[in-house]
């Protein structure tokens, strides 16, 4: 457990500790209360499952009690291990005041998640963002795209681009992204519009129609109808192309097992519109950068080359036969500009590390290896870790 800067400095002096371990990052001390009234510190279950199925150690970063250590030094260290798991938490990413009492503010958590999203490389560990962190990642995607658009449109020239071809190409797509973002509404099934455009606070994350607690069946994600949803067809088509290009771990598991029931524990949700928009924008930016990447590599816009390639919605959940949480999980794809190799990280609204009773190992009897094998969430969590580590 890394409780202070001194603990972290000790860790850096012993690279064998973190290179062969999973890093668990806690934004809050628990993810909520289960039906028995127990607060659920789900990170304990992550560590237990990793130890039981893979003899793998874990290093815990409780940001709520330690404060945010310097991301510039922490992220390279945790990304050198086997995987990074960002846990959930009881507060709401829509309300900074709910993080009162934590030594890491909502703004600091946003900074950490954005830097982690930009750190994925051919040699870095995959990241799994769970529940609250799934929502933080969604907000980070939108903020990174907004930052990219603003920087590109504010530039008048680019180094090593004397004829301005690279800048003109980037500004053209950024104007297109800005235009769509400024007109894209987020609408709930009941007709309520929670965001008029991508600058409004609930564009990425908004309250769910119903609070989801307990087991939910995962369903294949179905594309919306552009005429009834108001989502531009170009965003829907771009996502369908992404889904066709990649085979996701979760959707493959649903296909093979026919039914997956996973523990849900949330009242906010990531908006489908925001992720469809982010996927389309990432893809536009990536493809525009390709012919100009050598110019960008030595410029102030070099960080754009670290952005994801695409992001795919993998599954949904239903309530009383009707889809409730459209975006229950995503796969973040990174494409290397030279080797064309793909690296992935994952986000999920549900808690694959929790069994159906939503209890923590240590308070409940530790599950046996056979019990974990039969649990849909534990199997899926192991698959996510394995798939990311193999890349």
Protein backbone atom coordinates (compact mmCIF):
# COMPACT_ATOMS: atom_id res chain seq x y z
CA UNK A 1 0.00 0.00 0.00
CA UNK A 2 1.48 3.34 -1.11
CA UNK A 3 0.32 5.84 1.51
CA UNK A 4 2.91 8.56 1.01
CA UNK A 5 5.69 9.93 -1.17
CA UNK A 6 8.17 8.00 1.00
CA UNK A 7 6.35 4.73 0.24
CA UNK A 8 6.46 5.54 -3.46
CA UNK A 9 10.17 6.32 -3.39
CA UNK A 10 10.78 2.94 -1.73
CA UNK A 11 8.75 1.30 -4.51
CA UNK A 12 10.80 3.02 -7.23
CA UNK A 13 13.98 1.63 -5.70
CA UNK A 14 12.62 -1.92 -6.00
CA UNK A 15 11.37 -2.31 -9.60
CA UNK A 16 10.87 -6.06 -9.18
CA UNK A 17 7.96 -5.27 -6.87
CA UNK A 18 5.94 -3.27 -9.39
CA UNK A 19 6.99 -4.99 -12.62
CA UNK A 20 5.45 -8.26 -11.53
CA UNK A 21 2.32 -6.87 -9.87
CA UNK A 22 -1.03 -5.27 -10.60
CA UNK A 23 -1.44 -1.65 -9.57
CA UNK A 24 -4.84 -0.87 -8.02
CA UNK A 25 -5.83 2.79 -7.83
CA UNK A 26 -8.62 3.79 -5.42
CA UNK A 27 -10.38 7.14 -6.00
CA UNK A 28 -12.48 6.56 -2.85
CA UNK A 29 -12.33 4.21 0.13
CA UNK A 30 -15.35 2.16 -0.98
CA UNK A 31 -17.69 1.78 -3.97
CA UNK A 32 -20.96 2.00 -2.02
CA UNK A 33 -23.07 0.01 0.41
CA UNK A 34 -24.41 -3.47 -0.31
CA UNK A 35 -27.90 -4.68 0.75
CA UNK A 36 -26.48 -5.72 4.14
CA UNK A 37 -25.36 -2.16 4.81
CA UNK A 38 -21.64 -3.01 4.52
CA UNK A 39 -19.40 -0.54 2.71
CA UNK A 40 -17.71 -2.37 -0.16
CA UNK A 41 -13.97 -1.89 -0.66
CA UNK A 42 -13.87 -3.72 -3.98
CA UNK A 43 -10.10 -3.38 -4.45
CA UNK A 44 -9.65 -6.15 -1.88
CA UNK A 45 -11.51 -8.50 -4.23
CA UNK A 46 -9.29 -7.44 -7.15
CA UNK A 47 -6.19 -8.34 -5.14
CA UNK A 48 -7.72 -11.62 -3.95
CA UNK A 49 -8.76 -12.76 -7.44
CA UNK A 50 -5.36 -11.88 -8.91
CA UNK A 51 -3.59 -13.77 -6.13
CA UNK A 52 -5.88 -16.81 -6.32
CA UNK A 53 -5.96 -17.35 -10.07
CA UNK A 54 -2.49 -16.12 -11.05
CA UNK A 55 -0.34 -15.93 -7.91
CA UNK A 56 -0.04 -12.24 -8.73
CA UNK A 57 0.67 -9.56 -6.14
CA UNK A 58 -1.06 -6.16 -6.03
CA UNK A 59 0.12 -2.67 -5.09
CA UNK A 60 -2.58 -0.35 -3.80
CA UNK A 61 -2.63 3.42 -4.37
CA UNK A 62 -5.40 4.86 -2.12
CA UNK A 63 -5.54 8.35 -3.64
CA UNK A 64 -8.37 9.33 -1.31
CA UNK A 65 -6.04 9.04 1.70
CA UNK A 66 -2.58 9.60 0.20
CA UNK A 67 -3.46 12.50 -2.06
CA UNK A 68 -2.49 12.63 -5.72
CA UNK A 69 1.18 11.79 -6.08
CA UNK A 70 2.90 13.33 -9.10
CA UNK A 71 1.27 11.65 -12.16
CA UNK A 72 4.43 12.29 -14.21
CA UNK A 73 6.34 9.83 -12.01
CA UNK A 74 3.54 7.54 -10.79
CA UNK A 75 2.03 6.64 -14.18
CA UNK A 76 5.31 5.41 -15.77
CA UNK A 77 5.85 3.19 -12.71
CA UNK A 78 2.38 1.63 -12.57
CA UNK A 79 2.34 1.27 -16.37
CA UNK A 80 5.51 -0.84 -16.10
CA UNK A 81 3.64 -3.56 -14.21
CA UNK A 82 1.23 -6.24 -15.41
CA UNK A 83 -1.94 -4.13 -15.35
CA UNK A 84 -3.53 -1.05 -13.82
CA UNK A 85 -6.99 -1.33 -12.27
CA UNK A 86 -8.80 1.90 -11.42
CA UNK A 87 -11.58 1.15 -9.00
CA UNK A 88 -15.01 2.65 -8.46
CA UNK A 89 -16.21 4.88 -5.65
CA UNK A 90 -19.36 6.17 -3.99
CA UNK A 91 -19.10 9.86 -5.06
CA UNK A 92 -20.57 11.23 -8.30
CA UNK A 93 -18.30 12.48 -11.09
CA UNK A 94 -21.05 15.05 -11.78
CA UNK A 95 -20.56 16.76 -8.42
CA UNK A 96 -17.14 17.80 -7.12
CA UNK A 97 -18.59 18.40 -3.64
CA UNK A 98 -19.22 14.65 -3.20
CA UNK A 99 -15.44 14.18 -3.04
CA UNK A 100 -15.25 16.31 0.11
CA UNK A 101 -13.07 14.58 2.70
CA UNK A 102 -10.81 13.00 0.09
CA UNK A 103 -7.21 14.13 -0.30
CA UNK A 104 -7.67 13.89 -4.08
CA UNK A 105 -10.21 16.25 -5.61
CA UNK A 106 -12.35 15.49 -8.65
CA UNK A 107 -10.15 17.85 -10.71
CA UNK A 108 -7.02 15.95 -9.65
CA UNK A 109 -8.62 12.61 -10.52
CA UNK A 110 -9.51 13.99 -13.95
CA UNK A 111 -5.87 14.99 -14.45
CA UNK A 112 -4.68 11.53 -13.41
CA UNK A 113 -7.10 9.67 -15.72
CA UNK A 114 -6.31 11.89 -18.72
CA UNK A 115 -2.59 11.31 -18.31
CA UNK A 116 -3.16 7.58 -17.93
CA UNK A 117 -5.26 7.48 -21.11
CA UNK A 118 -2.40 9.16 -22.98
CA UNK A 119 0.25 6.82 -21.56
CA UNK A 120 -0.74 3.59 -23.38
CA UNK A 121 2.13 2.38 -25.55
CA UNK A 122 3.49 -0.88 -27.00
CA UNK A 123 5.36 -1.47 -23.73
CA UNK A 124 2.83 -0.22 -21.17
CA UNK A 125 0.36 -2.17 -19.07
CA UNK A 126 -3.34 -2.27 -19.97
CA UNK A 127 -5.73 -0.32 -17.78
CA UNK A 128 -9.16 -1.42 -16.57
CA UNK A 129 -11.44 1.41 -15.43
CA UNK A 130 -14.32 0.24 -13.21
CA UNK A 131 -17.61 2.05 -12.41
CA UNK A 132 -16.67 5.55 -11.18
CA UNK A 133 -13.41 5.29 -13.13
CA UNK A 134 -15.36 4.20 -16.23
CA UNK A 135 -17.24 7.50 -15.89
CA UNK A 136 -14.04 9.48 -15.26
CA UNK A 137 -12.59 7.96 -18.44
CA UNK A 138 -15.67 9.03 -20.44
CA UNK A 139 -15.32 12.61 -19.22
CA UNK A 140 -11.59 12.46 -19.97
CA UNK A 141 -12.23 11.41 -23.59
CA UNK A 142 -14.42 14.45 -24.19
CA UNK A 143 -12.02 16.82 -22.43
CA UNK A 144 -9.01 15.52 -24.40
CA UNK A 145 -10.87 15.99 -27.69
CA UNK A 146 -11.96 19.50 -26.66
CA UNK A 147 -8.37 20.33 -25.71
CA UNK A 148 -7.11 19.02 -29.06
CA UNK A 149 -9.68 21.01 -31.02
CA UNK A 150 -8.95 24.21 -29.10
CA UNK A 151 -5.18 23.93 -29.50
CA UNK A 152 -5.35 23.14 -33.21
CA UNK A 153 -7.81 25.92 -34.03
CA UNK A 154 -5.81 28.48 -32.03
CA UNK A 155 -2.59 27.81 -33.95
CA UNK A 156 -1.54 30.06 -36.82
CA UNK A 157 1.48 28.02 -37.86
CA UNK A 158 3.21 24.72 -37.18
CA UNK A 159 6.94 24.05 -37.06
CA UNK A 160 8.34 22.20 -40.09
CA UNK A 161 5.06 22.81 -41.93
CA UNK A 162 6.06 25.73 -44.19
CA UNK A 163 3.17 25.35 -46.63
CA UNK A 164 0.67 24.80 -43.81
CA UNK A 165 -0.71 21.54 -45.21
CA UNK A 166 -0.64 19.63 -41.93
CA UNK A 167 -2.21 22.46 -39.94
CA UNK A 168 -4.89 23.07 -42.57
CA UNK A 169 -5.83 19.36 -42.60
CA UNK A 170 -6.04 19.25 -38.81
CA UNK A 171 -8.01 22.48 -38.58
CA UNK A 172 -10.51 21.22 -41.15
CA UNK A 173 -11.34 18.09 -39.12
CA UNK A 174 -11.29 20.00 -35.83
CA UNK A 175 -13.84 22.46 -37.22
CA UNK A 176 -15.95 19.46 -38.21
CA UNK A 177 -15.62 17.93 -34.72
CA UNK A 178 -16.47 21.24 -33.07
CA UNK A 179 -19.53 21.71 -35.29
CA UNK A 180 -20.94 18.28 -34.46
CA UNK A 181 -20.08 18.65 -30.76
CA UNK A 182 -21.84 22.00 -30.56
CA UNK A 183 -25.07 20.55 -31.94
CA UNK A 184 -25.13 17.04 -30.43
CA UNK A 185 -27.79 16.61 -27.76
CA UNK A 186 -27.88 13.91 -25.10
CA UNK A 187 -31.41 12.68 -24.64
CA UNK A 188 -32.81 10.07 -22.25
CA UNK A 189 -35.48 7.55 -23.18
CA UNK A 190 -38.08 9.58 -21.29
CA UNK A 191 -37.39 12.48 -23.64
CA UNK A 192 -35.42 14.59 -21.14
CA UNK A 193 -32.48 16.41 -22.72
CA UNK A 194 -29.62 16.35 -20.19
CA UNK A 195 -27.09 18.16 -22.41
CA UNK A 196 -27.61 20.46 -25.39
CA UNK A 197 -24.00 20.13 -26.61
CA UNK A 198 -20.55 18.85 -25.71
CA UNK A 199 -19.72 21.83 -23.51
CA UNK A 200 -22.44 21.07 -20.96
CA UNK A 201 -21.40 19.25 -17.75
CA UNK A 202 -23.59 16.15 -18.23
CA UNK A 203 -22.63 15.49 -21.85
CA UNK A 204 -20.42 12.52 -20.92
CA UNK A 205 -22.09 11.30 -17.70
CA UNK A 206 -25.66 11.82 -16.49
CA UNK A 207 -28.06 10.24 -13.99
CA UNK A 208 -29.36 6.84 -15.08
CA UNK A 209 -33.12 6.34 -15.40
CA UNK A 210 -32.96 3.83 -12.54
CA UNK A 211 -30.30 2.93 -10.00
CA UNK A 212 -28.78 -0.45 -10.80
CA UNK A 213 -27.70 -2.61 -7.87
CA UNK A 214 -27.14 -6.36 -8.05
CA UNK A 215 -26.83 -8.84 -10.91
CA UNK A 216 -27.62 -7.68 -14.43
CA UNK A 217 -27.42 -9.62 -17.67
CA UNK A 218 -24.99 -8.22 -20.23
CA UNK A 219 -26.40 -7.82 -23.73
CA UNK A 220 -24.76 -7.16 -27.08
CA UNK A 221 -24.68 -3.46 -27.87
CA UNK A 222 -27.17 -2.46 -30.57
CA UNK A 223 -26.62 0.65 -32.70
CA UNK A 224 -29.25 3.37 -32.30
CA UNK A 225 -31.54 4.56 -35.09
CA UNK A 226 -30.37 7.97 -36.28
CA UNK A 227 -33.92 9.12 -37.08
CA UNK A 228 -35.41 8.36 -33.66
CA UNK A 229 -32.32 9.05 -31.52
CA UNK A 230 -31.16 12.27 -33.19
CA UNK A 231 -27.58 10.93 -33.29
CA UNK A 232 -25.91 11.75 -36.64
CA UNK A 233 -25.58 8.74 -38.92
CA UNK A 234 -21.87 9.42 -39.44
CA UNK A 235 -21.24 8.75 -35.71
CA UNK A 236 -23.26 5.54 -35.80
CA UNK A 237 -21.53 4.30 -38.97
CA UNK A 238 -18.07 5.09 -37.58
CA UNK A 239 -18.83 2.99 -34.49
CA UNK A 240 -20.17 0.11 -36.59
CA UNK A 241 -16.91 0.16 -38.57
CA UNK A 242 -14.92 0.10 -35.31
CA UNK A 243 -17.01 -2.81 -34.00
CA UNK A 244 -16.45 -4.71 -37.24
CA UNK A 245 -12.69 -4.11 -37.18
CA UNK A 246 -12.13 -5.36 -33.64
CA UNK A 247 -13.32 -8.34 -31.64
CA UNK A 248 -13.93 -7.29 -28.06
CA UNK A 249 -13.38 -9.53 -25.04
CA UNK A 250 -16.77 -8.84 -23.46
CA UNK A 251 -18.93 -9.19 -26.56
CA UNK A 252 -17.07 -12.40 -27.44
CA UNK A 253 -17.73 -13.74 -23.93
CA UNK A 254 -21.45 -12.96 -24.30
CA UNK A 255 -21.48 -14.81 -27.61
CA UNK A 256 -19.70 -17.89 -26.26
CA UNK A 257 -21.46 -18.13 -22.92
CA UNK A 258 -24.90 -16.99 -24.15
CA UNK A 259 -25.57 -15.30 -20.82
CA UNK A 260 -23.36 -13.24 -18.53
CA UNK A 261 -24.64 -11.87 -15.22
CA UNK A 262 -22.45 -9.22 -13.60
CA UNK A 263 -22.79 -7.12 -10.44
CA UNK A 264 -23.91 -3.52 -11.08
CA UNK A 265 -23.57 -0.80 -8.46
CA UNK A 266 -24.36 2.70 -9.81
CA UNK A 267 -26.87 5.51 -10.29
CA UNK A 268 -24.99 7.52 -12.96
CA UNK A 269 -24.22 6.28 -16.46
CA UNK A 270 -21.92 7.10 -19.36
CA UNK A 271 -23.95 8.53 -22.21
CA UNK A 272 -24.08 6.56 -25.44
CA UNK A 273 -23.96 9.77 -27.51
CA UNK A 274 -20.68 10.87 -25.89
CA UNK A 275 -18.88 7.61 -26.66
CA UNK A 276 -20.16 7.43 -30.24
CA UNK A 277 -18.96 11.01 -30.67
CA UNK A 278 -15.55 10.29 -29.06
CA UNK A 279 -14.99 7.25 -31.28
CA UNK A 280 -15.80 9.26 -34.43
CA UNK A 281 -13.59 12.18 -33.35
CA UNK A 282 -10.64 9.97 -32.38
CA UNK A 283 -10.82 8.16 -35.71
CA UNK A 284 -10.94 11.43 -37.68
CA UNK A 285 -7.96 12.84 -35.80
CA UNK A 286 -5.91 9.63 -36.11
CA UNK A 287 -6.46 9.32 -39.85
CA UNK A 288 -5.66 13.00 -40.39
CA UNK A 289 -2.42 12.70 -38.42
CA UNK A 290 -1.14 9.67 -40.41
CA UNK A 291 0.32 11.55 -43.44
CA UNK A 292 1.61 14.38 -41.23
CA UNK A 293 2.86 12.46 -38.21
CA UNK A 294 6.54 13.30 -38.78
CA UNK A 295 5.69 17.01 -38.67
CA UNK A 296 3.55 16.66 -35.56
CA UNK A 297 6.16 14.55 -33.73
CA UNK A 298 8.39 17.58 -33.24
CA UNK A 299 5.66 20.10 -32.52
CA UNK A 300 3.51 21.31 -29.64
CA UNK A 301 0.80 18.97 -30.97
CA UNK A 302 2.89 15.82 -30.54
CA UNK A 303 0.64 14.68 -27.66
CA UNK A 304 -2.18 14.12 -30.18
CA UNK A 305 -0.26 11.05 -31.37
CA UNK A 306 -0.80 9.48 -27.93
CA UNK A 307 -4.59 9.71 -28.13
CA UNK A 308 -6.67 6.56 -28.65
CA UNK A 309 -7.40 5.35 -32.17
CA UNK A 310 -11.00 4.35 -31.50
CA UNK A 311 -13.32 3.47 -28.63
CA UNK A 312 -15.98 0.77 -28.92
CA UNK A 313 -19.11 0.23 -26.81
CA UNK A 314 -19.08 -3.49 -25.99
CA UNK A 315 -22.33 -4.22 -24.17
CA UNK A 316 -25.49 -2.93 -22.50
CA UNK A 317 -27.72 -3.92 -19.60
CA UNK A 318 -31.52 -4.08 -19.43
CA UNK A 319 -34.16 -3.37 -16.79
CA UNK A 320 -37.47 -5.25 -17.08
CA UNK A 321 -36.73 -6.19 -20.67
CA UNK A 322 -35.73 -2.70 -21.83
CA UNK A 323 -32.15 -1.50 -22.30
CA UNK A 324 -31.24 0.76 -19.39
CA UNK A 325 -27.48 1.32 -19.53
CA UNK A 326 -26.52 1.42 -23.22
CA UNK A 327 -22.82 1.92 -22.55
CA UNK A 328 -21.96 -0.70 -19.91
CA UNK A 329 -18.41 -1.27 -21.12
CA UNK A 330 -15.94 0.06 -23.67
CA UNK A 331 -12.73 -1.06 -25.32
CA UNK A 332 -10.19 1.73 -25.91
CA UNK A 333 -8.02 0.90 -28.92
CA UNK A 334 -4.59 2.43 -29.51
CA UNK A 335 -2.92 1.99 -32.92
CA UNK A 336 0.81 2.45 -33.33
CA UNK A 337 1.49 4.74 -36.29
CA UNK A 338 4.50 2.75 -37.52
CA UNK A 339 3.93 -0.91 -36.61
CA UNK A 340 0.11 -0.65 -36.89
CA UNK A 341 -0.12 -2.88 -33.80
CA UNK A 342 -3.18 -2.46 -31.57
CA UNK A 343 -3.07 -2.08 -27.79
CA UNK A 344 -6.21 -2.06 -25.66
CA UNK A 345 -7.55 -0.85 -22.34
CA UNK A 346 -11.06 -1.46 -21.01
CA UNK A 347 -13.72 0.37 -19.04
CA UNK A 348 -16.83 -1.13 -17.45
CA UNK A 349 -19.74 0.30 -15.50
CA UNK A 350 -20.25 -3.01 -13.72
CA UNK A 351 -18.01 -4.62 -11.09
CA UNK A 352 -16.55 -7.89 -12.45
CA UNK A 353 -14.52 -8.28 -9.25
CA UNK A 354 -17.63 -8.51 -7.05
CA UNK A 355 -19.65 -11.68 -6.63
CA UNK A 356 -23.45 -11.54 -6.67
CA UNK A 357 -23.66 -10.89 -2.89
CA UNK A 358 -21.63 -7.65 -3.34
CA UNK A 359 -19.52 -8.49 -0.30
CA UNK A 360 -15.80 -8.02 0.26
CA UNK A 361 -13.38 -10.89 0.77
CA UNK A 362 -12.42 -10.88 4.44
CA UNK A 363 -15.90 -9.86 5.53
CA UNK A 364 -17.40 -12.76 3.61
CA UNK A 365 -15.77 -16.19 3.38
CA UNK A 366 -13.05 -16.08 0.70
CA UNK A 367 -14.36 -17.81 -2.46
CA UNK A 368 -12.57 -20.95 -3.55
CA UNK A 369 -10.89 -21.30 -6.92
CA UNK A 370 -13.83 -23.41 -8.13
CA UNK A 371 -16.30 -20.74 -6.97
CA UNK A 372 -14.39 -18.10 -8.91
CA UNK A 373 -14.40 -20.34 -11.99
CA UNK A 374 -18.20 -20.50 -11.87
CA UNK A 375 -18.67 -16.77 -11.31
CA UNK A 376 -19.34 -14.79 -14.51
CA UNK A 377 -17.69 -11.63 -13.17
CA UNK A 378 -14.49 -13.30 -11.97
CA UNK A 379 -14.06 -15.13 -15.29
CA UNK A 380 -14.64 -11.93 -17.24
CA UNK A 381 -12.22 -9.98 -15.04
CA UNK A 382 -9.55 -12.64 -15.65
CA UNK A 383 -10.16 -12.46 -19.40
CA UNK A 384 -9.81 -8.67 -19.44
CA UNK A 385 -6.50 -8.88 -17.58
CA UNK A 386 -5.21 -11.74 -19.74
CA UNK A 387 -6.17 -10.17 -23.07
CA UNK A 388 -4.56 -6.85 -22.20
CA UNK A 389 -1.38 -8.45 -20.88
CA UNK A 390 -0.89 -10.56 -24.02
CA UNK A 391 -0.64 -7.52 -26.30
